[in-house]
Amino acid sequence: MQKLLTTKEVADILRMRIETITRKAECGILPAIKVDGRWRIPQDRFDEWLREKEAASPAERKIRLGKPIKLKTYRMGKIYGPVSRAEIYQDI
């Protein structure tokens, strides 16, 4: 029987938060199975996943979800009471 790692054990190995590991398991990024409602990561599949990540080129490792957004900031002072978006932005 193969060893199953907990999300806490994997989080400790990868130095990540448990919530991050759980999210990666839910999204299918991390090879995991659910046992009694809790995520478990098979040791052999986790080791293989780590080797694949180490072998990936820097370009493959970097995941870009989109281009960075340049946002302008404006000094607005203090706002008292409820304010609508139309009162703040001129584009509406």
PDB file of N, CA and C in Angstrom:
ATOM      1  N   MET A   1       0.848  -1.187   0.000  1.00  0.00           N
ATOM      2  CA  MET A   1       0.000   0.000   0.000  1.00  0.00           C
ATOM      3  C   MET A   1       0.885   1.238   0.000  1.00  0.00           C
ATOM      4  N   GLN A   2       0.586   2.158  -0.905  1.00  0.00           N
ATOM      5  CA  GLN A   2       1.408   3.362  -1.019  1.00  0.00           C
ATOM      6  C   GLN A   2       1.119   4.334   0.119  1.00  0.00           C
ATOM      7  N   LYS A   3       2.129   5.129   0.449  1.00  0.00           N
ATOM      8  CA  LYS A   3       1.980   6.114   1.515  1.00  0.00           C
ATOM      9  C   LYS A   3       1.207   7.313   0.989  1.00  0.00           C
ATOM     10  N   LEU A   4       0.265   7.798   1.792  1.00  0.00           N
ATOM     11  CA  LEU A   4      -0.515   8.979   1.450  1.00  0.00           C
ATOM     12  C   LEU A   4      -0.093  10.117   2.362  1.00  0.00           C
ATOM     13  N   LEU A   5       0.276  11.238   1.757  1.00  0.00           N
ATOM     14  CA  LEU A   5       0.679  12.417   2.517  1.00  0.00           C
ATOM     15  C   LEU A   5      -0.543  13.286   2.800  1.00  0.00           C
ATOM     16  N   THR A   6      -0.534  13.960   3.927  1.00  0.00           N
ATOM     17  CA  THR A   6      -1.599  14.912   4.242  1.00  0.00           C
ATOM     18  C   THR A   6      -1.261  16.258   3.605  1.00  0.00           C
ATOM     19  N   THR A   7      -2.242  17.136   3.559  1.00  0.00           N
ATOM     20  CA  THR A   7      -1.987  18.470   3.018  1.00  0.00           C
ATOM     21  C   THR A   7      -0.990  19.226   3.894  1.00  0.00           C
ATOM     22  N   LYS A   8      -1.008  18.955   5.191  1.00  0.00           N
ATOM     23  CA  LYS A   8      -0.050  19.606   6.092  1.00  0.00           C
ATOM     24  C   LYS A   8       1.370  19.147   5.796  1.00  0.00           C
ATOM     25  N   GLU A   9       1.561  17.849   5.562  1.00  0.00           N
ATOM     26  CA  GLU A   9       2.897  17.332   5.249  1.00  0.00           C
ATOM     27  C   GLU A   9       3.420  17.939   3.946  1.00  0.00           C
ATOM     28  N   VAL A  10       2.564  18.008   2.934  1.00  0.00           N
ATOM     29  CA  VAL A  10       2.972  18.590   1.652  1.00  0.00           C
ATOM     30  C   VAL A  10       3.247  20.086   1.819  1.00  0.00           C
ATOM     31  N   ALA A  11       2.420  20.766   2.602  1.00  0.00           N
ATOM     32  CA  ALA A  11       2.635  22.195   2.851  1.00  0.00           C
ATOM     33  C   ALA A  11       3.978  22.425   3.537  1.00  0.00           C
ATOM     34  N   ASP A  12       4.339  21.563   4.475  1.00  0.00           N
ATOM     35  CA  ASP A  12       5.634  21.681   5.152  1.00  0.00           C
ATOM     36  C   ASP A  12       6.789  21.449   4.178  1.00  0.00           C
ATOM     37  N   ILE A  13       6.645  20.467   3.299  1.00  0.00           N
ATOM     38  CA  ILE A  13       7.701  20.158   2.325  1.00  0.00           C
ATOM     39  C   ILE A  13       7.895  21.323   1.360  1.00  0.00           C
ATOM     40  N   LEU A  14       6.787  21.876   0.863  1.00  0.00           N
ATOM     41  CA  LEU A  14       6.850  22.943  -0.141  1.00  0.00           C
ATOM     42  C   LEU A  14       6.927  24.337   0.471  1.00  0.00           C
ATOM     43  N   ARG A  15       6.822  24.407   1.789  1.00  0.00           N
ATOM     44  CA  ARG A  15       6.822  25.690   2.509  1.00  0.00           C
ATOM     45  C   ARG A  15       5.723  26.608   1.997  1.00  0.00           C
ATOM     46  N   MET A  16       4.528  26.042   1.964  1.00  0.00           N
ATOM     47  CA  MET A  16       3.331  26.772   1.548  1.00  0.00           C
ATOM     48  C   MET A  16       2.274  26.628   2.638  1.00  0.00           C
ATOM     49  N   ARG A  17       1.225  27.416   2.511  1.00  0.00           N
ATOM     50  CA  ARG A  17       0.111  27.297   3.446  1.00  0.00           C
ATOM     51  C   ARG A  17      -0.740  26.086   3.087  1.00  0.00           C
ATOM     52  N   ILE A  18      -1.385  25.511   4.082  1.00  0.00           N
ATOM     53  CA  ILE A  18      -2.248  24.355   3.868  1.00  0.00           C
ATOM     54  C   ILE A  18      -3.376  24.712   2.901  1.00  0.00           C
ATOM     55  N   GLU A  19      -3.898  25.918   3.009  1.00  0.00           N
ATOM     56  CA  GLU A  19      -4.978  26.356   2.125  1.00  0.00           C
ATOM     57  C   GLU A  19      -4.537  26.364   0.662  1.00  0.00           C
ATOM     58  N   THR A  20      -3.282  26.734   0.420  1.00  0.00           N
ATOM     59  CA  THR A  20      -2.744  26.755  -0.947  1.00  0.00           C
ATOM     60  C   THR A  20      -2.669  25.341  -1.501  1.00  0.00           C
ATOM     61  N   ILE A  21      -2.214  24.407  -0.683  1.00  0.00           N
ATOM     62  CA  ILE A  21      -2.120  23.003  -1.111  1.00  0.00           C
ATOM     63  C   ILE A  21      -3.515  22.456  -1.395  1.00  0.00           C
ATOM     64  N   THR A  22      -4.467  22.772  -0.535  1.00  0.00           N
ATOM     65  CA  THR A  22      -5.845  22.319  -0.737  1.00  0.00           C
ATOM     66  C   THR A  22      -6.399  22.869  -2.044  1.00  0.00           C
ATOM     67  N   ARG A  23      -6.162  24.139  -2.314  1.00  0.00           N
ATOM     68  CA  ARG A  23      -6.632  24.759  -3.559  1.00  0.00           C
ATOM     69  C   ARG A  23      -5.990  24.098  -4.776  1.00  0.00           C
ATOM     70  N   LYS A  24      -4.689  23.801  -4.701  1.00  0.00           N
ATOM     71  CA  LYS A  24      -4.004  23.138  -5.813  1.00  0.00           C
ATOM     72  C   LYS A  24      -4.566  21.739  -6.039  1.00  0.00           C
ATOM     73  N   ALA A  25      -4.932  21.047  -4.959  1.00  0.00           N
ATOM     74  CA  ALA A  25      -5.536  19.717  -5.080  1.00  0.00           C
ATOM     75  C   ALA A  25      -6.919  19.818  -5.719  1.00  0.00           C
ATOM     76  N   GLU A  26      -7.719  20.784  -5.281  1.00  0.00           N
ATOM     77  CA  GLU A  26      -9.067  20.967  -5.832  1.00  0.00           C
ATOM     78  C   GLU A  26      -9.041  21.312  -7.312  1.00  0.00           C
ATOM     79  N   CYS A  27      -8.054  22.090  -7.728  1.00  0.00           N
ATOM     80  CA  CYS A  27      -7.943  22.521  -9.134  1.00  0.00           C
ATOM     81  C   CYS A  27      -7.286  21.474 -10.021  1.00  0.00           C
ATOM     82  N   GLY A  28      -6.728  20.436  -9.426  1.00  0.00           N
ATOM     83  CA  GLY A  28      -6.062  19.406 -10.212  1.00  0.00           C
ATOM     84  C   GLY A  28      -4.619  19.723 -10.539  1.00  0.00           C
ATOM     85  N   ILE A  29      -4.072  20.783  -9.958  1.00  0.00           N
ATOM     86  CA  ILE A  29      -2.673  21.135 -10.187  1.00  0.00           C
ATOM     87  C   ILE A  29      -1.763  20.140  -9.485  1.00  0.00           C
ATOM     88  N   LEU A  30      -2.175  19.715  -8.314  1.00  0.00           N
ATOM     89  CA  LEU A  30      -1.417  18.769  -7.499  1.00  0.00           C
ATOM     90  C   LEU A  30      -2.126  17.418  -7.555  1.00  0.00           C
ATOM     91  N   PRO A  31      -1.395  16.324  -7.807  1.00  0.00           N
ATOM     92  CA  PRO A  31      -2.051  15.014  -7.865  1.00  0.00           C
ATOM     93  C   PRO A  31      -2.536  14.605  -6.477  1.00  0.00           C
ATOM     94  N   ALA A  32      -3.845  14.537  -6.305  1.00  0.00           N
ATOM     95  CA  ALA A  32      -4.402  14.228  -4.992  1.00  0.00           C
ATOM     96  C   ALA A  32      -5.716  13.475  -5.129  1.00  0.00           C
ATOM     97  N   ILE A  33      -6.075  12.792  -4.057  1.00  0.00           N
ATOM     98  CA  ILE A  33      -7.349  12.081  -3.994  1.00  0.00           C
ATOM     99  C   ILE A  33      -8.038  12.470  -2.690  1.00  0.00           C
ATOM    100  N   LYS A  34      -9.340  12.331  -2.674  1.00  0.00           N
ATOM    101  CA  LYS A  34     -10.084  12.620  -1.453  1.00  0.00           C
ATOM    102  C   LYS A  34     -10.384  11.313  -0.736  1.00  0.00           C
ATOM    103  N   VAL A  35     -10.031  11.275   0.541  1.00  0.00           N
ATOM    104  CA  VAL A  35     -10.302  10.115   1.378  1.00  0.00           C
ATOM    105  C   VAL A  35     -11.076  10.620   2.591  1.00  0.00           C
ATOM    106  N   ASP A  36     -12.294  10.126   2.751  1.00  0.00           N
ATOM    107  CA  ASP A  36     -13.161  10.558   3.859  1.00  0.00           C
ATOM    108  C   ASP A  36     -13.287  12.077   3.934  1.00  0.00           C
ATOM    109  N   GLY A  37     -13.404  12.730   2.786  1.00  0.00           N
ATOM    110  CA  GLY A  37     -13.595  14.171   2.743  1.00  0.00           C
ATOM    111  C   GLY A  37     -12.339  15.000   2.924  1.00  0.00           C
ATOM    112  N   ARG A  38     -11.184  14.351   3.018  1.00  0.00           N
ATOM    113  CA  ARG A  38      -9.922  15.081   3.185  1.00  0.00           C
ATOM    114  C   ARG A  38      -8.978  14.729   2.044  1.00  0.00           C
ATOM    115  N   TRP A  39      -8.208  15.720   1.610  1.00  0.00           N
ATOM    116  CA  TRP A  39      -7.274  15.514   0.511  1.00  0.00           C
ATOM    117  C   TRP A  39      -6.052  14.751   0.990  1.00  0.00           C
ATOM    118  N   ARG A  40      -5.664  13.759   0.195  1.00  0.00           N
ATOM    119  CA  ARG A  40      -4.448  12.988   0.440  1.00  0.00           C
ATOM    120  C   ARG A  40      -3.660  12.950  -0.863  1.00  0.00           C
ATOM    121  N   ILE A  41      -2.341  13.025  -0.721  1.00  0.00           N
ATOM    122  CA  ILE A  41      -1.470  13.057  -1.888  1.00  0.00           C
ATOM    123  C   ILE A  41      -0.610  11.804  -1.862  1.00  0.00           C
ATOM    124  N   PRO A  42      -0.744  10.921  -2.870  1.00  0.00           N
ATOM    125  CA  PRO A  42       0.099   9.722  -2.915  1.00  0.00           C
ATOM    126  C   PRO A  42       1.573  10.114  -3.030  1.00  0.00           C
ATOM    127  N   GLN A  43       2.411   9.519  -2.179  1.00  0.00           N
ATOM    128  CA  GLN A  43       3.837   9.867  -2.109  1.00  0.00           C
ATOM    129  C   GLN A  43       4.525   9.711  -3.466  1.00  0.00           C
ATOM    130  N   ASP A  44       4.290   8.583  -4.150  1.00  0.00           N
ATOM    131  CA  ASP A  44       4.984   8.350  -5.425  1.00  0.00           C
ATOM    132  C   ASP A  44       4.563   9.356  -6.499  1.00  0.00           C
ATOM    133  N   ARG A  45       3.271   9.691  -6.563  1.00  0.00           N
ATOM    134  CA  ARG A  45       2.807  10.677  -7.549  1.00  0.00           C
ATOM    135  C   ARG A  45       3.295  12.079  -7.206  1.00  0.00           C
ATOM    136  N   PHE A  46       3.394  12.380  -5.908  1.00  0.00           N
ATOM    137  CA  PHE A  46       3.912  13.677  -5.476  1.00  0.00           C
ATOM    138  C   PHE A  46       5.383  13.812  -5.856  1.00  0.00           C
ATOM    139  N   ASP A  47       6.167  12.754  -5.618  1.00  0.00           N
ATOM    140  CA  ASP A  47       7.589  12.774  -5.983  1.00  0.00           C
ATOM    141  C   ASP A  47       7.766  12.966  -7.488  1.00  0.00           C
ATOM    142  N   GLU A  48       6.936  12.281  -8.274  1.00  0.00           N
ATOM    143  CA  GLU A  48       6.989  12.416  -9.738  1.00  0.00           C
ATOM    144  C   GLU A  48       6.609  13.841 -10.153  1.00  0.00           C
ATOM    145  N   TRP A  49       5.591  14.408  -9.526  1.00  0.00           N
ATOM    146  CA  TRP A  49       5.150  15.776  -9.807  1.00  0.00           C
ATOM    147  C   TRP A  49       6.263  16.769  -9.507  1.00  0.00           C
ATOM    148  N   LEU A  50       6.970  16.559  -8.385  1.00  0.00           N
ATOM    149  CA  LEU A  50       8.088  17.435  -8.024  1.00  0.00           C
ATOM    150  C   LEU A  50       9.217  17.350  -9.050  1.00  0.00           C
ATOM    151  N   ARG A  51       9.541  16.137  -9.486  1.00  0.00           N
ATOM    152  CA  ARG A  51      10.598  15.961 -10.497  1.00  0.00           C
ATOM    153  C   ARG A  51      10.233  16.677 -11.791  1.00  0.00           C
ATOM    154  N   GLU A  52       8.974  16.586 -12.196  1.00  0.00           N
ATOM    155  CA  GLU A  52       8.527  17.280 -13.410  1.00  0.00           C
ATOM    156  C   GLU A  52       8.655  18.792 -13.255  1.00  0.00           C
ATOM    157  N   LYS A  53       8.319  19.299 -12.078  1.00  0.00           N
ATOM    158  CA  LYS A  53       8.428  20.737 -11.822  1.00  0.00           C
ATOM    159  C   LYS A  53       9.887  21.188 -11.846  1.00  0.00           C
ATOM    160  N   GLU A  54      10.778  20.381 -11.293  1.00  0.00           N
ATOM    161  CA  GLU A  54      12.201  20.727 -11.287  1.00  0.00           C
ATOM    162  C   GLU A  54      12.788  20.691 -12.689  1.00  0.00           C
ATOM    163  N   ALA A  55      12.294  19.780 -13.529  1.00  0.00           N
ATOM    164  CA  ALA A  55      12.824  19.626 -14.883  1.00  0.00           C
ATOM    165  C   ALA A  55      12.288  20.683 -15.845  1.00  0.00           C
ATOM    166  N   ALA A  56      11.228  21.363 -15.469  1.00  0.00           N
ATOM    167  CA  ALA A  56      10.623  22.366 -16.349  1.00  0.00           C
ATOM    168  C   ALA A  56      11.561  23.553 -16.523  1.00  0.00           C
ATOM    169  N   SER A  57      11.533  24.132 -17.713  1.00  0.00           N
ATOM    170  CA  SER A  57      12.355  25.310 -17.980  1.00  0.00           C
ATOM    171  C   SER A  57      11.789  26.504 -17.214  1.00  0.00           C
ATOM    172  N   PRO A  58      12.604  27.540 -17.002  1.00  0.00           N
ATOM    173  CA  PRO A  58      12.096  28.729 -16.293  1.00  0.00           C
ATOM    174  C   PRO A  58      10.848  29.320 -16.942  1.00  0.00           C
ATOM    175  N   ALA A  59      10.780  29.287 -18.267  1.00  0.00           N
ATOM    176  CA  ALA A  59       9.607  29.831 -18.959  1.00  0.00           C
ATOM    177  C   ALA A  59       8.364  28.996 -18.664  1.00  0.00           C
ATOM    178  N   GLU A  60       8.537  27.672 -18.566  1.00  0.00           N
ATOM    179  CA  GLU A  60       7.406  26.799 -18.269  1.00  0.00           C
ATOM    180  C   GLU A  60       6.966  26.944 -16.814  1.00  0.00           C
ATOM    181  N   ARG A  61       7.910  27.246 -15.919  1.00  0.00           N
ATOM    182  CA  ARG A  61       7.588  27.387 -14.503  1.00  0.00           C
ATOM    183  C   ARG A  61       6.794  28.647 -14.216  1.00  0.00           C
ATOM    184  N   LYS A  62       7.049  29.678 -15.011  1.00  0.00           N
ATOM    185  CA  LYS A  62       6.399  30.960 -14.756  1.00  0.00           C
ATOM    186  C   LYS A  62       5.018  30.964 -15.404  1.00  0.00           C
ATOM    187  N   ILE A  63       4.016  31.113 -14.597  1.00  0.00           N
ATOM    188  CA  ILE A  63       2.645  31.142 -15.099  1.00  0.00           C
ATOM    189  C   ILE A  63       2.174  32.586 -15.077  1.00  0.00           C
ATOM    190  N   ARG A  64       1.788  33.078 -16.237  1.00  0.00           N
ATOM    191  CA  ARG A  64       1.280  34.444 -16.331  1.00  0.00           C
ATOM    192  C   ARG A  64      -0.214  34.364 -16.603  1.00  0.00           C
ATOM    193  N   LEU A  65      -0.991  34.995 -15.793  1.00  0.00           N
ATOM    194  CA  LEU A  65      -2.433  35.009 -15.997  1.00  0.00           C
ATOM    195  C   LEU A  65      -2.867  36.185 -16.854  1.00  0.00           C
ATOM    196  N   GLY A  66      -1.970  37.067 -17.141  1.00  0.00           N
ATOM    197  CA  GLY A  66      -2.283  38.235 -17.950  1.00  0.00           C
ATOM    198  C   GLY A  66      -1.204  39.276 -17.780  1.00  0.00           C
ATOM    199  N   LYS A  67      -1.309  40.338 -18.540  1.00  0.00           N
ATOM    200  CA  LYS A  67      -0.322  41.407 -18.444  1.00  0.00           C
ATOM    201  C   LYS A  67      -0.593  42.236 -17.194  1.00  0.00           C
ATOM    202  N   PRO A  68       0.463  42.815 -16.618  1.00  0.00           N
ATOM    203  CA  PRO A  68       0.239  43.667 -15.451  1.00  0.00           C
ATOM    204  C   PRO A  68      -0.586  44.894 -15.822  1.00  0.00           C
ATOM    205  N   ILE A  69      -1.378  45.329 -14.894  1.00  0.00           N
ATOM    206  CA  ILE A  69      -2.245  46.479 -15.117  1.00  0.00           C
ATOM    207  C   ILE A  69      -1.625  47.697 -14.450  1.00  0.00           C
ATOM    208  N   LYS A  70      -1.555  48.791 -15.186  1.00  0.00           N
ATOM    209  CA  LYS A  70      -1.079  50.042 -14.603  1.00  0.00           C
ATOM    210  C   LYS A  70      -2.298  50.837 -14.151  1.00  0.00           C
ATOM    211  N   LEU A  71      -2.386  51.048 -12.875  1.00  0.00           N
ATOM    212  CA  LEU A  71      -3.509  51.791 -12.328  1.00  0.00           C
ATOM    213  C   LEU A  71      -3.053  53.161 -11.870  1.00  0.00           C
ATOM    214  N   LYS A  72      -3.834  54.165 -12.190  1.00  0.00           N
ATOM    215  CA  LYS A  72      -3.543  55.508 -11.712  1.00  0.00           C
ATOM    216  C   LYS A  72      -4.224  55.693 -10.367  1.00  0.00           C
ATOM    217  N   THR A  73      -3.563  56.402  -9.490  1.00  0.00           N
ATOM    218  CA  THR A  73      -4.172  56.715  -8.203  1.00  0.00           C
ATOM    219  C   THR A  73      -4.392  58.212  -8.115  1.00  0.00           C
ATOM    220  N   TYR A  74      -5.422  58.574  -7.455  1.00  0.00           N
ATOM    221  CA  TYR A  74      -5.769  59.978  -7.305  1.00  0.00           C
ATOM    222  C   TYR A  74      -5.953  60.288  -5.825  1.00  0.00           C
ATOM    223  N   ARG A  75      -5.452  61.437  -5.433  1.00  0.00           N
ATOM    224  CA  ARG A  75      -5.661  61.863  -4.054  1.00  0.00           C
ATOM    225  C   ARG A  75      -7.086  62.400  -3.960  1.00  0.00           C
ATOM    226  N   MET A  76      -7.870  61.757  -3.147  1.00  0.00           N
ATOM    227  CA  MET A  76      -9.279  62.116  -3.074  1.00  0.00           C
ATOM    228  C   MET A  76      -9.645  62.811  -1.768  1.00  0.00           C
ATOM    229  N   GLY A  77      -8.778  62.782  -0.809  1.00  0.00           N
ATOM    230  CA  GLY A  77      -9.140  63.383   0.466  1.00  0.00           C
ATOM    231  C   GLY A  77     -10.065  62.465   1.237  1.00  0.00           C
ATOM    232  N   LYS A  78     -10.830  63.027   2.108  1.00  0.00           N
ATOM    233  CA  LYS A  78     -11.746  62.240   2.926  1.00  0.00           C
ATOM    234  C   LYS A  78     -13.124  62.208   2.292  1.00  0.00           C
ATOM    235  N   ILE A  79     -13.758  61.069   2.390  1.00  0.00           N
ATOM    236  CA  ILE A  79     -15.108  60.901   1.868  1.00  0.00           C
ATOM    237  C   ILE A  79     -16.019  60.614   3.053  1.00  0.00           C
ATOM    238  N   TYR A  80     -17.059  61.390   3.160  1.00  0.00           N
ATOM    239  CA  TYR A  80     -18.015  61.211   4.248  1.00  0.00           C
ATOM    240  C   TYR A  80     -19.339  60.733   3.678  1.00  0.00           C
ATOM    241  N   GLY A  81     -19.899  59.716   4.259  1.00  0.00           N
ATOM    242  CA  GLY A  81     -21.196  59.215   3.838  1.00  0.00           C
ATOM    243  C   GLY A  81     -21.101  58.307   2.626  1.00  0.00           C
ATOM    244  N   PRO A  82     -22.241  57.775   2.167  1.00  0.00           N
ATOM    245  CA  PRO A  82     -22.243  56.871   1.013  1.00  0.00           C
ATOM    246  C   PRO A  82     -21.908  57.619  -0.279  1.00  0.00           C
ATOM    247  N   VAL A  83     -21.097  56.979  -1.109  1.00  0.00           N
ATOM    248  CA  VAL A  83     -20.674  57.573  -2.376  1.00  0.00           C
ATOM    249  C   VAL A  83     -20.872  56.531  -3.467  1.00  0.00           C
ATOM    250  N   SER A  84     -21.454  56.943  -4.593  1.00  0.00           N
ATOM    251  CA  SER A  84     -21.650  56.017  -5.705  1.00  0.00           C
ATOM    252  C   SER A  84     -20.436  56.043  -6.630  1.00  0.00           C
ATOM    253  N   ARG A  85     -20.318  55.016  -7.444  1.00  0.00           N
ATOM    254  CA  ARG A  85     -19.216  54.931  -8.407  1.00  0.00           C
ATOM    255  C   ARG A  85     -19.250  56.119  -9.370  1.00  0.00           C
ATOM    256  N   ALA A  86     -20.441  56.529  -9.787  1.00  0.00           N
ATOM    257  CA  ALA A  86     -20.582  57.645 -10.724  1.00  0.00           C
ATOM    258  C   ALA A  86     -20.075  58.949 -10.131  1.00  0.00           C
ATOM    259  N   GLU A  87     -20.174  59.094  -8.823  1.00  0.00           N
ATOM    260  CA  GLU A  87     -19.690  60.306  -8.176  1.00  0.00           C
ATOM    261  C   GLU A  87     -18.169  60.344  -8.105  1.00  0.00           C
ATOM    262  N   ILE A  88     -17.533  59.181  -8.161  1.00  0.00           N
ATOM    263  CA  ILE A  88     -16.073  59.107  -8.059  1.00  0.00           C
ATOM    264  C   ILE A  88     -15.421  59.124  -9.432  1.00  0.00           C
ATOM    265  N   TYR A  89     -15.947  58.320 -10.367  1.00  0.00           N
ATOM    266  CA  TYR A  89     -15.333  58.164 -11.678  1.00  0.00           C
ATOM    267  C   TYR A  89     -16.050  59.006 -12.725  1.00  0.00           C
ATOM    268  N   GLN A  90     -15.274  59.621 -13.594  1.00  0.00           N
ATOM    269  CA  GLN A  90     -15.849  60.468 -14.630  1.00  0.00           C
ATOM    270  C   GLN A  90     -16.286  59.678 -15.854  1.00  0.00           C
ATOM    271  N   ASP A  91     -15.846  58.416 -15.970  1.00  0.00           N
ATOM    272  CA  ASP A  91     -16.137  57.630 -17.170  1.00  0.00           C
ATOM    273  C   ASP A  91     -17.557  57.075 -17.183  1.00  0.00           C
ATOM    274  N   ILE A  92     -18.316  57.297 -16.160  1.00  0.00           N
ATOM    275  CA  ILE A  92     -19.669  56.728 -16.080  1.00  0.00           C
ATOM    276  C   ILE A  92     -20.687  57.787 -16.440  1.00  0.00           C
TER     277      ILE A  92
END
